[in-house]
């Protein structure tokens, strides 16, 4: 049995950043990855646009990942690939982690664990599409892996359901490879992806975007032959009489991402129903002492730069963590906020800025975000526009306000609805 100060589970951008950050603090670190290579989902994201915030330049996904992988190896951090975590057991002031790989079942102990397990895509079964079960129904990430990793074009004529960023990027990618994209259909009244991806991936390639439309039925036996499209009302309920049949051989689903948190749930970590990830404090520690969370396992980020940032902060905090009781003040969020992370602030006199992430629940212009302690405003930031697909960040030194457990901490956003 080997003992470590920090064990990172997940070798994507969040896990790599966390492991490097913890190693810089002098911790003995082990990273565990279930795939054969480090880098996570970035290995198949060959489009550019990564690293604008972190490195000030446009990089492809593999280029961005390799900068961290290269530093990871230079620092000689221990790691295991093709390794699956099969159980975590809580001991006194440490954790026992059991993994399985080509060597069999191996056990490690660690003072702290950082969960950097990323997120997964919703499937056709989770959006309740009726009809048969033919081949040709892919999530956008699966279609991306076929095209960019395996070099196999999964479709010649497709419909894309959902306007998430991966779906938009795959609309462009499949078009460049010679496939026909009949259209991108979105059940909501506004796109779910970033504005730049709407412009660069759809408008620049004359790919139509249909808002307030959804796929309601599949047709085909062995292979998909067509889908049924219907308009939806404000409650996203299909409107009778608006049926349209679109012939295609594939349906690409870009209907949302869900943080991958089976390990967190097995540890009885308290979860947030809004983010679908764990509740954490400003050190990215969950409700279980010594269990830290970062990246898309905490909440789905729109930019990988923020994923790496949270990994670095979690890695530093985990490396310096000592088992001691902590008291917190939780945020109460206003109705126009989709979510706010972290959900609580630790009561500490140590002067350090807290990094806060949030999304608005609807499109707002001339918006302002305010934070109040016991009704007294301590922070305000104004925005020309706030949009649910675009995450925003705030850096604020909370220690200057000398919080106590009985304080009431609220965050609100106000603006003109669009």
Protein backbone atom coordinates (compact mmCIF):
# COMPACT_ATOMS: atom_id res chain seq x y z
CA UNK A 1 0.00 0.00 0.00
CA UNK A 2 1.35 3.39 -1.03
CA UNK A 3 0.58 6.62 0.77
CA UNK A 4 0.21 10.05 -0.86
CA UNK A 5 -0.64 13.55 0.29
CA UNK A 6 -2.97 14.17 -2.66
CA UNK A 7 -4.60 11.76 -5.09
CA UNK A 8 -6.21 13.29 -8.17
CA UNK A 9 -8.89 11.23 -9.95
CA UNK A 10 -9.15 12.26 -13.59
CA UNK A 11 -6.42 13.18 -16.07
CA UNK A 12 -8.20 15.88 -18.08
CA UNK A 13 -7.44 19.61 -17.95
CA UNK A 14 -8.79 19.99 -14.39
CA UNK A 15 -6.92 16.98 -13.03
CA UNK A 16 -3.65 17.92 -14.70
CA UNK A 17 -3.83 21.48 -13.37
CA UNK A 18 -4.71 20.21 -9.87
CA UNK A 19 -1.85 17.70 -9.80
CA UNK A 20 0.71 20.28 -10.98
CA UNK A 21 -0.56 22.86 -8.48
CA UNK A 22 -0.39 20.39 -5.57
CA UNK A 23 3.11 19.31 -6.60
CA UNK A 24 4.25 22.96 -6.62
CA UNK A 25 3.19 23.11 -2.96
CA UNK A 26 5.53 20.23 -2.15
CA UNK A 27 2.87 17.52 -1.90
CA UNK A 28 3.42 13.89 -2.86
CA UNK A 29 0.87 13.48 -5.68
CA UNK A 30 -0.66 10.57 -7.61
CA UNK A 31 -2.96 11.04 -10.61
CA UNK A 32 -5.34 8.27 -11.68
CA UNK A 33 -6.77 8.20 -15.23
CA UNK A 34 -9.09 5.57 -16.74
CA UNK A 35 -8.09 6.19 -20.39
CA UNK A 36 -4.82 5.19 -22.03
CA UNK A 37 -3.55 8.78 -22.39
CA UNK A 38 -3.73 11.95 -20.36
CA UNK A 39 -5.59 15.00 -21.67
CA UNK A 40 -9.25 14.08 -21.25
CA UNK A 41 -11.80 15.26 -23.78
CA UNK A 42 -9.32 17.78 -25.23
CA UNK A 43 -7.62 14.97 -27.18
CA UNK A 44 -10.53 14.93 -29.65
CA UNK A 45 -11.20 18.71 -29.71
CA UNK A 46 -9.04 19.58 -32.72
CA UNK A 47 -10.73 22.97 -33.27
CA UNK A 48 -9.03 26.11 -31.96
CA UNK A 49 -10.20 28.71 -29.45
CA UNK A 50 -8.66 27.20 -26.32
CA UNK A 51 -6.24 29.13 -24.10
CA UNK A 52 -7.26 32.70 -24.86
CA UNK A 53 -7.48 33.51 -21.15
CA UNK A 54 -4.68 31.26 -19.84
CA UNK A 55 -2.06 31.76 -22.57
CA UNK A 56 -3.30 34.74 -24.58
CA UNK A 57 -3.39 32.75 -27.83
CA UNK A 58 -5.71 30.45 -29.77
CA UNK A 59 -4.78 26.80 -29.35
CA UNK A 60 -6.40 23.54 -30.41
CA UNK A 61 -7.56 21.17 -27.69
CA UNK A 62 -4.55 18.81 -28.01
CA UNK A 63 -2.15 21.79 -28.01
CA UNK A 64 -3.73 23.18 -24.84
CA UNK A 65 -3.69 19.80 -23.12
CA UNK A 66 -0.08 19.10 -24.09
CA UNK A 67 1.17 22.25 -22.33
CA UNK A 68 -0.11 20.76 -19.07
CA UNK A 69 0.90 17.18 -19.91
CA UNK A 70 4.43 18.37 -20.70
CA UNK A 71 4.75 20.23 -17.38
CA UNK A 72 3.16 17.27 -15.58
CA UNK A 73 5.90 14.94 -16.85
CA UNK A 74 8.65 17.49 -16.23
CA UNK A 75 7.67 17.58 -12.57
CA UNK A 76 7.82 13.75 -12.45
CA UNK A 77 4.40 13.35 -10.88
CA UNK A 78 3.27 9.75 -10.31
CA UNK A 79 0.35 8.61 -12.45
CA UNK A 80 -1.55 5.50 -13.51
CA UNK A 81 -3.48 5.23 -16.79
CA UNK A 82 -6.02 2.53 -17.77
CA UNK A 83 -6.89 2.52 -14.07
CA UNK A 84 -10.40 2.53 -12.61
CA UNK A 85 -11.36 3.54 -9.08
CA UNK A 86 -13.59 0.81 -7.68
CA UNK A 87 -14.02 2.13 -4.15
CA UNK A 88 -13.09 4.83 -1.67
CA UNK A 89 -13.19 4.20 2.07
CA UNK A 90 -12.94 6.89 4.72
CA UNK A 91 -10.37 6.28 7.45
CA UNK A 92 -9.27 8.56 10.27
CA UNK A 93 -7.81 11.70 8.68
CA UNK A 94 -7.18 9.93 5.35
CA UNK A 95 -8.84 7.88 2.63
CA UNK A 96 -8.27 4.40 1.24
CA UNK A 97 -8.63 4.24 -2.56
CA UNK A 98 -8.95 0.88 -4.35
CA UNK A 99 -8.23 0.77 -8.05
CA UNK A 100 -8.05 -1.94 -10.70
CA UNK A 101 -5.67 -1.98 -13.66
CA UNK A 102 -3.39 -4.36 -15.52
CA UNK A 103 -1.57 -5.11 -12.24
CA UNK A 104 -4.81 -6.19 -10.56
CA UNK A 105 -6.39 -4.53 -7.54
CA UNK A 106 -4.14 -1.92 -5.91
CA UNK A 107 -4.73 0.12 -2.74
CA UNK A 108 -3.53 3.64 -1.96
CA UNK A 109 -4.04 5.94 0.99
CA UNK A 110 -4.12 9.71 0.81
CA UNK A 111 -4.71 12.65 3.11
CA UNK A 112 -6.87 14.34 0.46
CA UNK A 113 -8.62 13.44 -2.80
CA UNK A 114 -9.38 15.77 -5.71
CA UNK A 115 -12.26 14.67 -7.91
CA UNK A 116 -11.64 15.88 -11.46
CA UNK A 117 -13.91 13.38 -13.21
CA UNK A 118 -15.42 15.78 -15.75
CA UNK A 119 -18.92 15.47 -17.18
CA UNK A 120 -20.95 13.22 -19.47
CA UNK A 121 -23.50 13.85 -22.19
CA UNK A 122 -27.23 13.33 -21.93
CA UNK A 123 -28.44 10.53 -24.19
CA UNK A 124 -31.57 9.99 -26.28
CA UNK A 125 -33.11 8.04 -23.39
CA UNK A 126 -32.79 11.09 -21.16
CA UNK A 127 -34.71 13.36 -23.54
CA UNK A 128 -37.51 10.84 -24.18
CA UNK A 129 -37.55 10.61 -27.98
CA UNK A 130 -40.17 8.12 -29.18
CA UNK A 131 -39.84 5.58 -31.98
CA UNK A 132 -37.66 2.64 -32.90
CA UNK A 133 -34.06 2.06 -31.83
CA UNK A 134 -32.03 2.19 -35.05
CA UNK A 135 -28.31 2.80 -35.35
CA UNK A 136 -27.26 6.30 -36.31
CA UNK A 137 -28.15 8.09 -33.07
CA UNK A 138 -25.00 9.61 -31.56
CA UNK A 139 -24.15 12.08 -28.86
CA UNK A 140 -22.12 14.99 -30.23
CA UNK A 141 -19.05 13.83 -28.29
CA UNK A 142 -19.30 10.31 -29.74
CA UNK A 143 -19.61 11.72 -33.27
CA UNK A 144 -16.58 13.90 -32.53
CA UNK A 145 -14.55 10.89 -31.37
CA UNK A 146 -15.48 8.92 -34.52
CA UNK A 147 -14.48 11.82 -36.77
CA UNK A 148 -11.39 13.21 -35.03
CA UNK A 149 -9.88 10.16 -33.30
CA UNK A 150 -10.97 7.18 -35.40
CA UNK A 151 -11.07 8.99 -38.75
CA UNK A 152 -14.54 7.60 -39.52
CA UNK A 153 -17.36 9.81 -40.84
CA UNK A 154 -20.46 8.69 -38.86
CA UNK A 155 -23.03 10.31 -41.18
CA UNK A 156 -23.70 11.56 -44.69
CA UNK A 157 -26.90 13.48 -43.89
CA UNK A 158 -27.79 14.37 -40.31
CA UNK A 159 -30.00 16.41 -38.00
CA UNK A 160 -28.52 17.96 -34.87
CA UNK A 161 -30.75 18.29 -31.80
CA UNK A 162 -29.61 20.92 -29.31
CA UNK A 163 -27.51 24.03 -29.79
CA UNK A 164 -24.86 23.26 -27.18
CA UNK A 165 -21.29 24.15 -28.08
CA UNK A 166 -20.24 20.60 -28.99
CA UNK A 167 -23.23 20.27 -31.31
CA UNK A 168 -22.44 23.58 -33.00
CA UNK A 169 -18.79 22.66 -33.46
CA UNK A 170 -19.77 19.26 -34.88
CA UNK A 171 -22.16 20.93 -37.34
CA UNK A 172 -19.14 22.72 -38.81
CA UNK A 173 -16.84 19.72 -38.54
CA UNK A 174 -19.21 17.34 -40.33
CA UNK A 175 -19.84 19.93 -43.04
CA UNK A 176 -16.11 20.29 -43.64
CA UNK A 177 -15.86 16.50 -44.00
CA UNK A 178 -18.56 16.47 -46.69
CA UNK A 179 -21.66 15.56 -44.68
CA UNK A 180 -24.97 17.40 -45.08
CA UNK A 181 -26.29 19.02 -41.90
CA UNK A 182 -30.03 19.56 -42.45
CA UNK A 183 -30.27 21.90 -39.50
CA UNK A 184 -29.72 22.45 -35.80
CA UNK A 185 -32.95 22.23 -33.78
CA UNK A 186 -33.22 23.80 -30.31
CA UNK A 187 -36.23 23.36 -27.99
CA UNK A 188 -35.51 26.59 -26.13
CA UNK A 189 -36.30 30.04 -27.50
CA UNK A 190 -32.61 31.02 -27.34
CA UNK A 191 -29.42 29.16 -28.36
CA UNK A 192 -27.58 27.17 -25.67
CA UNK A 193 -24.09 27.67 -27.09
CA UNK A 194 -21.69 30.60 -27.11
CA UNK A 195 -22.43 33.44 -29.53
CA UNK A 196 -19.06 33.01 -31.24
CA UNK A 197 -19.89 29.38 -32.05
CA UNK A 198 -23.28 30.37 -33.49
CA UNK A 199 -21.50 32.81 -35.80
CA UNK A 200 -18.47 30.71 -36.72
CA UNK A 201 -20.05 27.25 -36.93
CA UNK A 202 -23.56 27.93 -38.27
CA UNK A 203 -23.79 31.35 -39.91
CA UNK A 204 -20.44 31.06 -41.71
CA UNK A 205 -21.49 27.71 -43.20
CA UNK A 206 -25.16 28.55 -43.95
CA UNK A 207 -26.41 25.88 -41.52
CA UNK A 208 -29.94 26.77 -40.38
CA UNK A 209 -30.80 27.08 -36.67
CA UNK A 210 -34.43 26.39 -35.71
CA UNK A 211 -35.38 27.66 -32.25
CA UNK A 212 -38.43 26.33 -30.37
CA UNK A 213 -38.23 23.05 -32.32
CA UNK A 214 -37.45 19.54 -31.15
CA UNK A 215 -37.21 15.96 -32.38
CA UNK A 216 -40.21 13.93 -31.26
CA UNK A 217 -39.85 10.60 -33.10
CA UNK A 218 -37.31 8.37 -34.85
CA UNK A 219 -38.02 6.32 -37.98
CA UNK A 220 -36.01 3.37 -39.19
CA UNK A 221 -35.27 -0.26 -38.39
CA UNK A 222 -31.58 -1.15 -38.69
CA UNK A 223 -30.49 2.41 -39.58
CA UNK A 224 -32.15 5.75 -38.94
CA UNK A 225 -34.10 6.90 -42.01
CA UNK A 226 -35.89 10.05 -40.80
CA UNK A 227 -36.88 12.07 -37.74
CA UNK A 228 -40.08 13.88 -36.85
CA UNK A 229 -39.67 17.56 -35.95
CA UNK A 230 -42.29 19.60 -34.08
CA UNK A 231 -42.53 23.18 -32.86
CA UNK A 232 -42.81 23.63 -29.09
CA UNK A 233 -44.57 26.25 -26.97
CA UNK A 234 -43.09 28.38 -24.18
CA UNK A 235 -43.22 25.36 -21.86
CA UNK A 236 -41.36 23.29 -24.50
CA UNK A 237 -44.43 21.12 -25.10
CA UNK A 238 -44.84 19.98 -28.75
CA UNK A 239 -47.60 21.81 -30.65
CA UNK A 240 -49.99 19.41 -32.48
CA UNK A 241 -50.21 19.97 -36.22
CA UNK A 242 -46.62 21.22 -36.60
CA UNK A 243 -45.13 17.82 -37.48
CA UNK A 244 -42.45 17.73 -40.16
CA UNK A 245 -40.53 14.69 -41.39
CA UNK A 246 -36.83 15.23 -42.19
CA UNK A 247 -34.96 12.44 -43.95
CA UNK A 248 -31.51 11.70 -42.51
CA UNK A 249 -29.22 8.80 -41.65
CA UNK A 250 -28.07 10.17 -38.28
CA UNK A 251 -29.29 12.20 -35.32
CA UNK A 252 -26.56 14.04 -33.38
CA UNK A 253 -27.57 14.91 -29.80
CA UNK A 254 -26.20 17.99 -28.09
CA UNK A 255 -28.73 18.15 -25.28
CA UNK A 256 -26.65 19.03 -22.28
CA UNK A 257 -23.85 17.84 -20.02
CA UNK A 258 -24.08 16.39 -16.52
CA UNK A 259 -21.18 16.43 -14.00
CA UNK A 260 -19.82 12.91 -13.46
CA UNK A 261 -20.19 12.44 -9.73
CA UNK A 262 -20.80 8.79 -8.94
CA UNK A 263 -17.68 8.76 -6.75
CA UNK A 264 -18.76 11.91 -4.92
CA UNK A 265 -22.21 10.43 -4.27
CA UNK A 266 -20.66 7.21 -2.96
CA UNK A 267 -18.88 9.36 -0.36
CA UNK A 268 -22.22 10.98 0.62
CA UNK A 269 -21.05 14.40 -0.52
CA UNK A 270 -23.83 17.00 -0.40
CA UNK A 271 -25.02 17.84 -3.93
CA UNK A 272 -26.45 21.00 -5.48
CA UNK A 273 -29.62 20.41 -7.50
CA UNK A 274 -28.86 23.42 -9.72
CA UNK A 275 -25.30 22.58 -10.78
CA UNK A 276 -25.75 18.77 -10.50
CA UNK A 277 -22.35 18.83 -8.79
CA UNK A 278 -21.21 18.90 -5.14
CA UNK A 279 -21.64 21.83 -2.77
CA UNK A 280 -18.20 23.31 -2.07
CA UNK A 281 -16.49 26.16 -0.25
CA UNK A 282 -14.05 28.79 -1.52
CA UNK A 283 -11.22 26.21 -1.30
CA UNK A 284 -13.24 23.84 -3.52
CA UNK A 285 -13.63 21.40 -0.63
CA UNK A 286 -16.90 19.47 -0.50
CA UNK A 287 -19.01 18.69 2.56
CA UNK A 288 -16.69 15.73 3.26
CA UNK A 289 -13.39 16.86 4.87
CA UNK A 290 -10.44 16.24 2.58
CA UNK A 291 -12.53 15.67 -0.57
CA UNK A 292 -12.02 18.43 -3.14
CA UNK A 293 -13.77 19.01 -6.47
CA UNK A 294 -12.84 20.96 -9.60
CA UNK A 295 -13.54 21.41 -13.30
CA UNK A 296 -16.67 20.10 -14.98
CA UNK A 297 -17.30 17.65 -12.14
CA UNK A 298 -18.20 20.70 -10.03
CA UNK A 299 -20.25 22.52 -12.67
CA UNK A 300 -20.18 22.60 -16.46
CA UNK A 301 -17.82 25.36 -17.60
CA UNK A 302 -18.02 27.08 -20.97
CA UNK A 303 -14.24 27.60 -21.30
CA UNK A 304 -11.45 25.15 -20.49
CA UNK A 305 -9.45 28.09 -19.10
CA UNK A 306 -11.85 28.18 -16.12
CA UNK A 307 -11.55 24.41 -15.74
CA UNK A 308 -7.79 24.73 -15.34
CA UNK A 309 -8.19 27.66 -12.97
CA UNK A 310 -10.42 25.70 -10.59
CA UNK A 311 -8.01 22.75 -10.79
CA UNK A 312 -5.10 24.94 -9.74
CA UNK A 313 -7.03 26.40 -6.81
CA UNK A 314 -8.24 22.98 -5.65
CA UNK A 315 -4.74 21.50 -5.96
CA UNK A 316 -3.18 24.22 -3.86
CA UNK A 317 -5.88 23.96 -1.18
CA UNK A 318 -5.68 20.14 -1.04
CA UNK A 319 -1.90 20.18 -0.67
CA UNK A 320 -2.09 22.58 2.28
CA UNK A 321 -5.14 21.05 3.94
CA UNK A 322 -5.05 20.03 7.60
CA UNK A 323 -7.94 18.20 9.20
CA UNK A 324 -9.58 20.80 11.39
CA UNK A 325 -13.15 21.97 11.93
CA UNK A 326 -14.30 24.80 9.67
CA UNK A 327 -17.34 27.06 9.85
CA UNK A 328 -19.11 28.42 6.80
CA UNK A 329 -21.54 31.07 5.64
CA UNK A 330 -23.72 29.94 2.73
CA UNK A 331 -24.82 32.13 -0.16
CA UNK A 332 -28.51 32.77 -0.70
CA UNK A 333 -29.00 33.40 -4.41
CA UNK A 334 -31.64 35.47 -6.19
CA UNK A 335 -34.24 34.09 -8.60
CA UNK A 336 -32.52 35.40 -11.75
CA UNK A 337 -29.34 33.40 -11.04
CA UNK A 338 -29.15 29.95 -12.59
CA UNK A 339 -26.46 28.97 -10.06
CA UNK A 340 -23.59 30.39 -8.02
CA UNK A 341 -20.35 28.55 -7.12
CA UNK A 342 -18.92 28.14 -4.51
CA UNK A 343 -22.08 27.84 -2.49
CA UNK A 344 -20.41 28.77 0.81
CA UNK A 345 -17.48 30.75 2.16
CA UNK A 346 -15.26 29.52 4.99
CA UNK A 347 -14.93 31.87 7.95
CA UNK A 348 -11.24 32.74 7.99
CA UNK A 349 -9.03 35.72 8.68
CA UNK A 350 -6.53 34.56 6.09
CA UNK A 351 -6.40 37.16 3.35
CA UNK A 352 -6.99 35.51 0.00
CA UNK A 353 -9.39 36.23 -2.86
CA UNK A 354 -12.32 33.92 -3.48
CA UNK A 355 -13.02 32.97 -7.10
CA UNK A 356 -16.77 32.92 -7.71
CA UNK A 357 -18.57 31.56 -10.79
CA UNK A 358 -22.18 32.19 -11.85
CA UNK A 359 -24.69 32.08 -14.69
CA UNK A 360 -27.86 34.09 -15.12
CA UNK A 361 -31.11 32.15 -15.59
CA UNK A 362 -32.16 34.30 -18.58
CA UNK A 363 -30.80 36.90 -20.98
CA UNK A 364 -30.45 40.27 -19.23
CA UNK A 365 -29.09 43.58 -20.47
CA UNK A 366 -27.77 46.45 -18.36
CA UNK A 367 -27.36 43.92 -15.56
CA UNK A 368 -25.70 44.26 -12.16
CA UNK A 369 -24.60 41.56 -9.73
CA UNK A 370 -24.58 42.53 -6.05
CA UNK A 371 -23.34 40.72 -2.96
CA UNK A 372 -24.67 41.72 0.46
CA UNK A 373 -23.78 40.82 4.04
CA UNK A 374 -26.74 41.21 6.41
CA UNK A 375 -28.45 43.41 3.83
CA UNK A 376 -25.46 45.74 3.40
CA UNK A 377 -23.98 45.81 -0.10
CA UNK A 378 -20.29 44.89 -0.18
CA UNK A 379 -19.81 44.31 -3.91
CA UNK A 380 -21.34 45.28 -7.24
CA UNK A 381 -20.33 44.52 -10.82
CA UNK A 382 -22.17 45.72 -13.92
CA UNK A 383 -22.55 43.88 -17.23
CA UNK A 384 -23.85 45.02 -20.61
CA UNK A 385 -25.33 41.56 -21.17
CA UNK A 386 -25.67 38.36 -19.18
CA UNK A 387 -26.59 35.14 -21.00
CA UNK A 388 -27.15 31.65 -19.52
CA UNK A 389 -24.66 29.94 -21.89
CA UNK A 390 -21.87 32.34 -20.90
CA UNK A 391 -20.40 31.83 -17.42
CA UNK A 392 -19.03 34.84 -15.54
CA UNK A 393 -16.43 35.05 -12.77
CA UNK A 394 -15.86 37.35 -9.79
CA UNK A 395 -12.72 37.60 -7.66
CA UNK A 396 -13.40 39.00 -4.21
CA UNK A 397 -11.41 39.02 -0.96
CA UNK A 398 -14.10 37.95 1.50
CA UNK A 399 -11.77 37.94 4.52
CA UNK A 400 -11.91 41.75 4.73
CA UNK A 401 -15.56 41.53 5.80
CA UNK A 402 -14.84 39.42 8.93
CA UNK A 403 -17.74 37.04 8.48
CA UNK A 404 -19.24 35.14 11.39
CA UNK A 405 -21.44 32.08 11.27
CA UNK A 406 -24.64 34.03 11.98
CA UNK A 407 -24.19 36.38 9.00
CA UNK A 408 -26.56 36.32 6.04
CA UNK A 409 -24.78 36.35 2.68
CA UNK A 410 -26.89 37.05 -0.42
CA UNK A 411 -26.09 37.44 -4.11
CA UNK A 412 -28.55 38.85 -6.64
CA UNK A 413 -28.60 39.88 -10.28
CA UNK A 414 -30.92 42.50 -11.70
CA UNK A 415 -31.33 43.77 -15.24
CA UNK A 416 -33.66 44.32 -18.15
CA UNK A 417 -35.12 41.10 -19.55
CA UNK A 418 -34.58 40.54 -23.26
